[in-house]
Amino acid sequence: MKYYIRRSYYRLRRLYRALSIHLCKSLLRRFNYGIHPVSESVDTLAALTVKESEYYTEWHSPCPLFTPWVGHPDFQKVYEGVGRYTIVSPDRCYILKSLADYATHLNGDFAECGVYKGGTALLLCRVLNNVDKTLYLFDSFEGLPKCDEEKDQWFHAGQFAIDSAESVKQILNDFKDAIDIRKGWIPDTFQGLENHRFAFAHLDVDLYQSALDCCEFFYPRLVPGGILLFDEYGFPAARGEKDAVDEFFADKVESPMSLPTGQAIVIKAPSCEK
């Protein structure tokens, strides 16, 4: 008897808690507020101390919005299996795919800096399937290089290392004739491509100096209308990447466009063609 009373008591407690939360949410929605769980991630902690911390907030839509990255067939065709080999979230992968689709209509090749396990490279290969372009992939596969203690305090050398570049080659084997894997450290691995032109570059490098090196190499070689997509521009822990991008474009015609996903894009202005 005591067992049933105790179980009923706990059921009533859970029901009372659920009803209380529901009523609070309903009341707050009437005043355009909401309740959302707060994580304790590195980015959450970094947001407390990062420069311009007052502008780092968790964004929530005011109503249900179209979100094709949750399983829409058109996106799933290129995203299938990608999630196993990347820490880039589905919404960012959708942005990557959409901008890459656009850039296939421009002259120039594609590039990705920061390949990790090859997930986003696989997505780009699928976008480029039957398109006459080369995808250049740049990564040490030994993790991040030495980090600046002031600008990159939330990262450490060797972070994001993988067992072998061969595993990435295996994942991308169906597209081996359309890719060029440059194993080593940026900017050394850019050597030999000085006369190349690029339509699209996905820059997932986290750190201040790496981001600056990428900007200095790819921007002058980007065709008019070409895209630079910075993966962690808006993430507090990767503030070094944002600082490098902002500094580089401070005297340029273009300005980085920050996205709600945490990414940022730069579109090369036609007037910048030399």
C-alpha atoms as a PDB file:
ATOM      1  CA  MET A   1       0.000   0.000   0.000  1.00  0.00           C
ATOM      2  CA  LYS A   2       2.814   2.382   0.935  1.00  0.00           C
ATOM      3  CA  TYR A   3       4.498   1.619  -2.411  1.00  0.00           C
ATOM      4  CA  TYR A   4       1.438   2.680  -4.404  1.00  0.00           C
ATOM      5  CA  ILE A   5       0.972   5.825  -2.305  1.00  0.00           C
ATOM      6  CA  ARG A   6       4.638   6.773  -2.827  1.00  0.00           C
ATOM      7  CA  ARG A   7       4.439   6.129  -6.578  1.00  0.00           C
ATOM      8  CA  SER A   8       1.244   8.179  -6.851  1.00  0.00           C
ATOM      9  CA  TYR A   9       2.902  10.968  -4.903  1.00  0.00           C
ATOM     10  CA  TYR A  10       5.847  11.154  -7.306  1.00  0.00           C
ATOM     11  CA  ARG A  11       3.516  11.030 -10.304  1.00  0.00           C
ATOM     12  CA  LEU A  12       1.561  13.947  -8.894  1.00  0.00           C
ATOM     13  CA  ARG A  13       4.804  15.865  -8.299  1.00  0.00           C
ATOM     14  CA  ARG A  14       5.882  15.377 -11.922  1.00  0.00           C
ATOM     15  CA  LEU A  15       2.417  16.357 -13.136  1.00  0.00           C
ATOM     16  CA  TYR A  16       2.397  19.466 -10.932  1.00  0.00           C
ATOM     17  CA  ARG A  17       5.865  20.463 -12.178  1.00  0.00           C
ATOM     18  CA  ALA A  18       4.880  19.958 -15.820  1.00  0.00           C
ATOM     19  CA  LEU A  19       1.681  21.997 -15.372  1.00  0.00           C
ATOM     20  CA  SER A  20       3.592  24.781 -13.593  1.00  0.00           C
ATOM     21  CA  ILE A  21       6.136  25.012 -16.393  1.00  0.00           C
ATOM     22  CA  HIS A  22       3.357  24.973 -19.006  1.00  0.00           C
ATOM     23  CA  LEU A  23       1.464  27.764 -17.249  1.00  0.00           C
ATOM     24  CA  CYS A  24       4.622  29.861 -16.839  1.00  0.00           C
ATOM     25  CA  LYS A  25       5.498  29.444 -20.514  1.00  0.00           C
ATOM     26  CA  SER A  26       1.952  30.352 -21.565  1.00  0.00           C
ATOM     27  CA  LEU A  27       1.996  33.469 -19.427  1.00  0.00           C
ATOM     28  CA  LEU A  28       5.431  34.562 -20.652  1.00  0.00           C
ATOM     29  CA  ARG A  29       4.463  34.001 -24.300  1.00  0.00           C
ATOM     30  CA  ARG A  30       1.624  36.499 -23.864  1.00  0.00           C
ATOM     31  CA  PHE A  31       4.325  39.099 -23.187  1.00  0.00           C
ATOM     32  CA  ASN A  32       6.658  37.797 -25.954  1.00  0.00           C
ATOM     33  CA  TYR A  33       9.034  36.046 -23.536  1.00  0.00           C
ATOM     34  CA  GLY A  34      10.025  32.409 -23.300  1.00  0.00           C
ATOM     35  CA  ILE A  35      11.850  29.817 -21.182  1.00  0.00           C
ATOM     36  CA  HIS A  36      14.858  28.030 -22.669  1.00  0.00           C
ATOM     37  CA  PRO A  37      17.465  25.757 -21.091  1.00  0.00           C
ATOM     38  CA  VAL A  38      20.883  27.342 -20.531  1.00  0.00           C
ATOM     39  CA  SER A  39      23.872  25.168 -21.410  1.00  0.00           C
ATOM     40  CA  GLU A  40      27.264  25.262 -19.697  1.00  0.00           C
ATOM     41  CA  SER A  41      29.340  24.814 -22.844  1.00  0.00           C
ATOM     42  CA  VAL A  42      32.718  26.412 -23.472  1.00  0.00           C
ATOM     43  CA  ASP A  43      30.968  29.009 -25.618  1.00  0.00           C
ATOM     44  CA  THR A  44      28.549  29.845 -22.800  1.00  0.00           C
ATOM     45  CA  LEU A  45      31.459  30.423 -20.443  1.00  0.00           C
ATOM     46  CA  ALA A  46      33.447  32.355 -23.057  1.00  0.00           C
ATOM     47  CA  ALA A  47      30.476  34.645 -23.703  1.00  0.00           C
ATOM     48  CA  LEU A  48      30.736  35.956 -20.143  1.00  0.00           C
ATOM     49  CA  THR A  49      34.195  37.447 -20.639  1.00  0.00           C
ATOM     50  CA  VAL A  50      34.673  37.897 -24.382  1.00  0.00           C
ATOM     51  CA  LYS A  51      34.972  41.365 -25.893  1.00  0.00           C
ATOM     52  CA  GLU A  52      31.513  42.843 -26.643  1.00  0.00           C
ATOM     53  CA  SER A  53      29.960  40.182 -24.423  1.00  0.00           C
ATOM     54  CA  GLU A  54      26.697  42.142 -24.275  1.00  0.00           C
ATOM     55  CA  TYR A  55      26.072  41.242 -27.941  1.00  0.00           C
ATOM     56  CA  TYR A  56      26.405  37.481 -27.461  1.00  0.00           C
ATOM     57  CA  THR A  57      22.916  36.134 -26.880  1.00  0.00           C
ATOM     58  CA  GLU A  58      20.985  32.945 -27.549  1.00  0.00           C
ATOM     59  CA  TRP A  59      18.633  33.694 -30.414  1.00  0.00           C
ATOM     60  CA  HIS A  60      15.211  32.057 -30.572  1.00  0.00           C
ATOM     61  CA  SER A  61      12.669  32.570 -33.318  1.00  0.00           C
ATOM     62  CA  PRO A  62       9.380  34.271 -32.387  1.00  0.00           C
ATOM     63  CA  CYS A  63       7.379  31.513 -34.096  1.00  0.00           C
ATOM     64  CA  PRO A  64       7.928  28.178 -35.910  1.00  0.00           C
ATOM     65  CA  LEU A  65      10.036  28.769 -39.021  1.00  0.00           C
ATOM     66  CA  PHE A  66      10.888  26.657 -42.052  1.00  0.00           C
ATOM     67  CA  THR A  67      13.904  24.551 -41.034  1.00  0.00           C
ATOM     68  CA  PRO A  68      14.877  22.237 -43.909  1.00  0.00           C
ATOM     69  CA  TRP A  69      17.944  20.972 -42.051  1.00  0.00           C
ATOM     70  CA  VAL A  70      15.742  18.868 -39.758  1.00  0.00           C
ATOM     71  CA  GLY A  71      15.106  16.347 -42.517  1.00  0.00           C
ATOM     72  CA  HIS A  72      13.781  17.933 -45.718  1.00  0.00           C
ATOM     73  CA  PRO A  73      14.465  15.507 -48.628  1.00  0.00           C
ATOM     74  CA  ASP A  74      16.287  18.106 -50.738  1.00  0.00           C
ATOM     75  CA  PHE A  75      18.813  18.663 -47.942  1.00  0.00           C
ATOM     76  CA  GLN A  76      19.007  15.036 -46.854  1.00  0.00           C
ATOM     77  CA  LYS A  77      20.245  14.008 -50.309  1.00  0.00           C
ATOM     78  CA  VAL A  78      23.575  15.690 -49.654  1.00  0.00           C
ATOM     79  CA  TYR A  79      23.598  15.520 -45.835  1.00  0.00           C
ATOM     80  CA  GLU A  80      23.000  11.775 -45.479  1.00  0.00           C
ATOM     81  CA  GLY A  81      25.858  10.304 -43.414  1.00  0.00           C
ATOM     82  CA  VAL A  82      27.651  13.653 -43.051  1.00  0.00           C
ATOM     83  CA  GLY A  83      26.804  14.098 -39.369  1.00  0.00           C
ATOM     84  CA  ARG A  84      29.003  11.144 -38.363  1.00  0.00           C
ATOM     85  CA  TYR A  85      32.119  12.932 -39.612  1.00  0.00           C
ATOM     86  CA  THR A  86      31.633  16.534 -38.530  1.00  0.00           C
ATOM     87  CA  ILE A  87      30.858  18.686 -35.519  1.00  0.00           C
ATOM     88  CA  VAL A  88      29.345  21.342 -37.786  1.00  0.00           C
ATOM     89  CA  SER A  89      25.650  21.425 -36.866  1.00  0.00           C
ATOM     90  CA  PRO A  90      22.925  20.636 -39.450  1.00  0.00           C
ATOM     91  CA  ASP A  91      21.777  24.262 -39.713  1.00  0.00           C
ATOM     92  CA  ARG A  92      25.330  25.362 -40.555  1.00  0.00           C
ATOM     93  CA  CYS A  93      25.642  22.496 -43.025  1.00  0.00           C
ATOM     94  CA  TYR A  94      22.477  23.768 -44.703  1.00  0.00           C
ATOM     95  CA  ILE A  95      24.018  27.230 -45.090  1.00  0.00           C
ATOM     96  CA  LEU A  96      27.186  25.612 -46.433  1.00  0.00           C
ATOM     97  CA  LYS A  97      25.223  23.573 -48.958  1.00  0.00           C
ATOM     98  CA  SER A  98      23.075  26.511 -50.091  1.00  0.00           C
ATOM     99  CA  LEU A  99      26.000  28.876 -50.657  1.00  0.00           C
ATOM    100  CA  ALA A 100      28.002  26.138 -52.366  1.00  0.00           C
ATOM    101  CA  ASP A 101      25.079  25.494 -54.749  1.00  0.00           C
ATOM    102  CA  TYR A 102      25.163  29.153 -55.710  1.00  0.00           C
ATOM    103  CA  ALA A 103      28.944  29.202 -56.185  1.00  0.00           C
ATOM    104  CA  THR A 104      28.877  26.294 -58.634  1.00  0.00           C
ATOM    105  CA  HIS A 105      27.663  28.803 -61.221  1.00  0.00           C
ATOM    106  CA  LEU A 106      30.793  30.952 -60.844  1.00  0.00           C
ATOM    107  CA  ASN A 107      34.223  30.479 -62.340  1.00  0.00           C
ATOM    108  CA  GLY A 108      36.910  29.163 -60.019  1.00  0.00           C
ATOM    109  CA  ASP A 109      37.531  26.199 -57.743  1.00  0.00           C
ATOM    110  CA  PHE A 110      36.369  25.372 -54.210  1.00  0.00           C
ATOM    111  CA  ALA A 111      38.394  25.141 -50.992  1.00  0.00           C
ATOM    112  CA  GLU A 112      37.924  24.042 -47.410  1.00  0.00           C
ATOM    113  CA  CYS A 113      40.334  24.869 -44.603  1.00  0.00           C
ATOM    114  CA  GLY A 114      39.785  22.711 -41.557  1.00  0.00           C
ATOM    115  CA  VAL A 115      38.649  19.308 -42.816  1.00  0.00           C
ATOM    116  CA  TYR A 116      38.634  17.357 -39.534  1.00  0.00           C
ATOM    117  CA  LYS A 117      37.013  13.955 -40.233  1.00  0.00           C
ATOM    118  CA  GLY A 118      35.755  14.939 -43.691  1.00  0.00           C
ATOM    119  CA  GLY A 119      32.026  15.439 -43.109  1.00  0.00           C
ATOM    120  CA  THR A 120      31.620  18.889 -44.634  1.00  0.00           C
ATOM    121  CA  ALA A 121      34.094  17.950 -47.386  1.00  0.00           C
ATOM    122  CA  LEU A 122      31.780  15.050 -48.239  1.00  0.00           C
ATOM    123  CA  LEU A 123      28.839  17.436 -48.418  1.00  0.00           C
ATOM    124  CA  LEU A 124      30.771  19.758 -50.742  1.00  0.00           C
ATOM    125  CA  CYS A 125      31.834  16.842 -52.934  1.00  0.00           C
ATOM    126  CA  ARG A 126      28.188  15.896 -53.385  1.00  0.00           C
ATOM    127  CA  VAL A 127      27.295  19.475 -54.293  1.00  0.00           C
ATOM    128  CA  LEU A 128      30.139  19.492 -56.832  1.00  0.00           C
ATOM    129  CA  ASN A 129      29.261  16.100 -58.317  1.00  0.00           C
ATOM    130  CA  ASN A 130      29.251  16.451 -62.133  1.00  0.00           C
ATOM    131  CA  VAL A 131      30.543  20.033 -61.830  1.00  0.00           C
ATOM    132  CA  ASP A 132      33.914  20.749 -63.443  1.00  0.00           C
ATOM    133  CA  LYS A 133      35.684  22.110 -60.361  1.00  0.00           C
ATOM    134  CA  THR A 134      38.377  20.932 -57.974  1.00  0.00           C
ATOM    135  CA  LEU A 135      37.831  20.930 -54.214  1.00  0.00           C
ATOM    136  CA  TYR A 136      41.073  21.772 -52.392  1.00  0.00           C
ATOM    137  CA  LEU A 137      41.181  20.476 -48.815  1.00  0.00           C
ATOM    138  CA  PHE A 138      43.642  21.931 -46.310  1.00  0.00           C
ATOM    139  CA  ASP A 139      44.306  20.352 -42.912  1.00  0.00           C
ATOM    140  CA  SER A 140      47.222  19.143 -40.814  1.00  0.00           C
ATOM    141  CA  PHE A 141      45.046  16.281 -39.522  1.00  0.00           C
ATOM    142  CA  GLU A 142      47.162  16.712 -36.368  1.00  0.00           C
ATOM    143  CA  GLY A 143      44.717  19.111 -34.758  1.00  0.00           C
ATOM    144  CA  LEU A 144      45.099  22.828 -34.188  1.00  0.00           C
ATOM    145  CA  PRO A 145      48.516  24.511 -34.387  1.00  0.00           C
ATOM    146  CA  LYS A 146      50.025  26.417 -31.464  1.00  0.00           C
ATOM    147  CA  CYS A 147      47.420  28.820 -30.112  1.00  0.00           C
ATOM    148  CA  ASP A 148      47.851  32.421 -29.063  1.00  0.00           C
ATOM    149  CA  GLU A 149      47.226  32.418 -25.298  1.00  0.00           C
ATOM    150  CA  GLU A 150      45.459  35.770 -25.455  1.00  0.00           C
ATOM    151  CA  LYS A 151      43.483  35.549 -28.700  1.00  0.00           C
ATOM    152  CA  ASP A 152      42.706  31.813 -28.666  1.00  0.00           C
ATOM    153  CA  GLN A 153      42.502  31.059 -24.945  1.00  0.00           C
ATOM    154  CA  TRP A 154      39.710  28.500 -25.273  1.00  0.00           C
ATOM    155  CA  PHE A 155      41.652  26.235 -27.641  1.00  0.00           C
ATOM    156  CA  HIS A 156      44.861  24.209 -27.401  1.00  0.00           C
ATOM    157  CA  ALA A 157      47.397  22.746 -29.797  1.00  0.00           C
ATOM    158  CA  GLY A 158      46.412  19.299 -31.066  1.00  0.00           C
ATOM    159  CA  GLN A 159      42.694  19.835 -30.484  1.00  0.00           C
ATOM    160  CA  PHE A 160      40.558  18.170 -33.205  1.00  0.00           C
ATOM    161  CA  ALA A 161      43.349  15.792 -34.249  1.00  0.00           C
ATOM    162  CA  ILE A 162      42.279  12.587 -35.987  1.00  0.00           C
ATOM    163  CA  ASP A 163      44.006   9.218 -36.279  1.00  0.00           C
ATOM    164  CA  SER A 164      44.930   9.498 -39.949  1.00  0.00           C
ATOM    165  CA  ALA A 165      44.254  11.461 -43.112  1.00  0.00           C
ATOM    166  CA  GLU A 166      43.677   8.103 -44.784  1.00  0.00           C
ATOM    167  CA  SER A 167      40.287   7.824 -43.105  1.00  0.00           C
ATOM    168  CA  VAL A 168      39.243  11.083 -44.799  1.00  0.00           C
ATOM    169  CA  LYS A 169      40.509   9.832 -48.159  1.00  0.00           C
ATOM    170  CA  GLN A 170      38.433   6.698 -47.699  1.00  0.00           C
ATOM    171  CA  ILE A 171      35.269   8.684 -46.959  1.00  0.00           C
ATOM    172  CA  LEU A 172      35.840  10.802 -50.077  1.00  0.00           C
ATOM    173  CA  ASN A 173      37.015   7.936 -52.278  1.00  0.00           C
ATOM    174  CA  ASP A 174      34.063   8.215 -54.684  1.00  0.00           C
ATOM    175  CA  PHE A 175      35.205  11.765 -55.485  1.00  0.00           C
ATOM    176  CA  LYS A 176      38.983  11.216 -55.498  1.00  0.00           C
ATOM    177  CA  ASP A 177      39.391  12.612 -59.018  1.00  0.00           C
ATOM    178  CA  ALA A 178      37.784  15.928 -58.016  1.00  0.00           C
ATOM    179  CA  ILE A 179      39.678  16.646 -54.779  1.00  0.00           C
ATOM    180  CA  ASP A 180      43.191  17.737 -53.854  1.00  0.00           C
ATOM    181  CA  ILE A 181      44.073  17.047 -50.208  1.00  0.00           C
ATOM    182  CA  ARG A 182      46.839  19.343 -48.956  1.00  0.00           C
ATOM    183  CA  LYS A 183      48.123  17.849 -45.691  1.00  0.00           C
ATOM    184  CA  GLY A 184      50.137  20.260 -43.569  1.00  0.00           C
ATOM    185  CA  TRP A 185      49.980  23.641 -41.902  1.00  0.00           C
ATOM    186  CA  ILE A 186      48.346  26.799 -43.203  1.00  0.00           C
ATOM    187  CA  PRO A 187      49.665  28.927 -44.925  1.00  0.00           C
ATOM    188  CA  ASP A 188      52.461  26.609 -46.133  1.00  0.00           C
ATOM    189  CA  THR A 189      49.968  24.338 -47.892  1.00  0.00           C
ATOM    190  CA  PHE A 190      48.771  27.234 -50.072  1.00  0.00           C
ATOM    191  CA  GLN A 191      52.061  27.177 -51.960  1.00  0.00           C
ATOM    192  CA  GLY A 192      51.684  26.400 -55.657  1.00  0.00           C
ATOM    193  CA  LEU A 193      48.158  27.816 -55.861  1.00  0.00           C
ATOM    194  CA  GLU A 194      49.103  31.475 -56.167  1.00  0.00           C
ATOM    195  CA  ASN A 195      47.659  31.714 -59.691  1.00  0.00           C
ATOM    196  CA  HIS A 196      44.426  29.886 -58.893  1.00  0.00           C
ATOM    197  CA  ARG A 197      40.990  31.486 -58.734  1.00  0.00           C
ATOM    198  CA  PHE A 198      38.331  30.429 -56.263  1.00  0.00           C
ATOM    199  CA  ALA A 199      34.541  30.662 -56.293  1.00  0.00           C
ATOM    200  CA  PHE A 200      34.020  29.421 -52.750  1.00  0.00           C
ATOM    201  CA  ALA A 201      36.058  28.820 -49.590  1.00  0.00           C
ATOM    202  CA  HIS A 202      34.730  27.243 -46.402  1.00  0.00           C
ATOM    203  CA  LEU A 203      37.002  28.415 -43.584  1.00  0.00           C
ATOM    204  CA  ASP A 204      36.663  26.353 -40.412  1.00  0.00           C
ATOM    205  CA  VAL A 205      39.912  27.201 -38.623  1.00  0.00           C
ATOM    206  CA  ASP A 206      38.912  28.574 -35.178  1.00  0.00           C
ATOM    207  CA  LEU A 207      42.099  30.559 -34.514  1.00  0.00           C
ATOM    208  CA  TYR A 208      43.131  34.176 -35.073  1.00  0.00           C
ATOM    209  CA  GLN A 209      46.293  33.626 -37.132  1.00  0.00           C
ATOM    210  CA  SER A 210      44.850  30.797 -39.214  1.00  0.00           C
ATOM    211  CA  ALA A 211      41.795  32.907 -40.072  1.00  0.00           C
ATOM    212  CA  LEU A 212      44.004  35.848 -41.003  1.00  0.00           C
ATOM    213  CA  ASP A 213      46.208  33.636 -43.201  1.00  0.00           C
ATOM    214  CA  CYS A 214      43.107  32.343 -44.990  1.00  0.00           C
ATOM    215  CA  CYS A 215      41.771  35.841 -45.603  1.00  0.00           C
ATOM    216  CA  GLU A 216      45.112  37.026 -46.967  1.00  0.00           C
ATOM    217  CA  PHE A 217      45.333  34.104 -49.374  1.00  0.00           C
ATOM    218  CA  PHE A 218      41.777  33.591 -50.589  1.00  0.00           C
ATOM    219  CA  TYR A 219      40.358  37.102 -50.734  1.00  0.00           C
ATOM    220  CA  PRO A 220      42.584  38.375 -53.580  1.00  0.00           C
ATOM    221  CA  ARG A 221      41.991  35.128 -55.495  1.00  0.00           C
ATOM    222  CA  LEU A 222      38.211  35.123 -55.063  1.00  0.00           C
ATOM    223  CA  VAL A 223      36.225  35.770 -58.224  1.00  0.00           C
ATOM    224  CA  PRO A 224      33.603  38.571 -58.211  1.00  0.00           C
ATOM    225  CA  GLY A 225      30.533  37.224 -56.457  1.00  0.00           C
ATOM    226  CA  GLY A 226      32.639  34.523 -54.795  1.00  0.00           C
ATOM    227  CA  ILE A 227      31.954  33.432 -51.218  1.00  0.00           C
ATOM    228  CA  LEU A 228      34.059  33.174 -48.077  1.00  0.00           C
ATOM    229  CA  LEU A 229      32.146  31.287 -45.383  1.00  0.00           C
ATOM    230  CA  PHE A 230      33.576  31.501 -41.854  1.00  0.00           C
ATOM    231  CA  ASP A 231      32.213  28.702 -39.708  1.00  0.00           C
ATOM    232  CA  GLU A 232      32.796  29.973 -36.138  1.00  0.00           C
ATOM    233  CA  TYR A 233      32.751  33.745 -36.625  1.00  0.00           C
ATOM    234  CA  GLY A 234      29.972  34.298 -34.082  1.00  0.00           C
ATOM    235  CA  PHE A 235      30.994  31.719 -31.477  1.00  0.00           C
ATOM    236  CA  PRO A 236      32.385  33.297 -28.281  1.00  0.00           C
ATOM    237  CA  ALA A 237      35.199  30.771 -27.843  1.00  0.00           C
ATOM    238  CA  ALA A 238      36.388  31.491 -31.397  1.00  0.00           C
ATOM    239  CA  ARG A 239      36.535  35.249 -30.908  1.00  0.00           C
ATOM    240  CA  GLY A 240      40.049  35.164 -32.363  1.00  0.00           C
ATOM    241  CA  GLU A 241      38.610  34.144 -35.711  1.00  0.00           C
ATOM    242  CA  LYS A 242      36.138  37.033 -35.635  1.00  0.00           C
ATOM    243  CA  ASP A 243      38.843  39.521 -34.686  1.00  0.00           C
ATOM    244  CA  ALA A 244      41.051  38.395 -37.577  1.00  0.00           C
ATOM    245  CA  VAL A 245      38.206  38.618 -40.106  1.00  0.00           C
ATOM    246  CA  ASP A 246      37.060  42.023 -38.860  1.00  0.00           C
ATOM    247  CA  GLU A 247      40.595  43.399 -38.923  1.00  0.00           C
ATOM    248  CA  PHE A 248      41.236  42.124 -42.434  1.00  0.00           C
ATOM    249  CA  PHE A 249      38.041  43.572 -43.896  1.00  0.00           C
ATOM    250  CA  ALA A 250      38.222  46.870 -42.008  1.00  0.00           C
ATOM    251  CA  ASP A 251      39.614  48.643 -45.084  1.00  0.00           C
ATOM    252  CA  LYS A 252      37.788  46.565 -47.726  1.00  0.00           C
ATOM    253  CA  VAL A 253      34.586  47.267 -49.628  1.00  0.00           C
ATOM    254  CA  GLU A 254      32.993  44.124 -48.214  1.00  0.00           C
ATOM    255  CA  SER A 255      31.891  43.569 -44.626  1.00  0.00           C
ATOM    256  CA  PRO A 256      31.351  40.162 -42.966  1.00  0.00           C
ATOM    257  CA  MET A 257      27.660  39.333 -42.625  1.00  0.00           C
ATOM    258  CA  SER A 258      26.991  37.595 -39.311  1.00  0.00           C
ATOM    259  CA  LEU A 259      24.348  34.844 -39.429  1.00  0.00           C
ATOM    260  CA  PRO A 260      22.120  33.474 -36.629  1.00  0.00           C
ATOM    261  CA  THR A 261      23.899  30.124 -37.068  1.00  0.00           C
ATOM    262  CA  GLY A 262      27.177  31.599 -35.779  1.00  0.00           C
ATOM    263  CA  GLN A 263      28.683  31.685 -39.252  1.00  0.00           C
ATOM    264  CA  ALA A 264      29.569  34.742 -41.325  1.00  0.00           C
ATOM    265  CA  ILE A 265      29.810  35.257 -45.066  1.00  0.00           C
ATOM    266  CA  VAL A 266      31.718  37.637 -47.277  1.00  0.00           C
ATOM    267  CA  ILE A 267      30.664  38.063 -50.910  1.00  0.00           C
ATOM    268  CA  LYS A 268      33.350  39.487 -53.183  1.00  0.00           C
ATOM    269  CA  ALA A 269      32.175  42.758 -54.691  1.00  0.00           C
ATOM    270  CA  PRO A 270      32.395  42.977 -58.494  1.00  0.00           C
ATOM    271  CA  SER A 271      34.175  46.337 -58.214  1.00  0.00           C
ATOM    272  CA  CYS A 272      37.078  44.600 -56.462  1.00  0.00           C
ATOM    273  CA  GLU A 273      38.085  42.631 -59.540  1.00  0.00           C
ATOM    274  CA  LYS A 274      41.607  43.546 -60.607  1.00  0.00           C
END
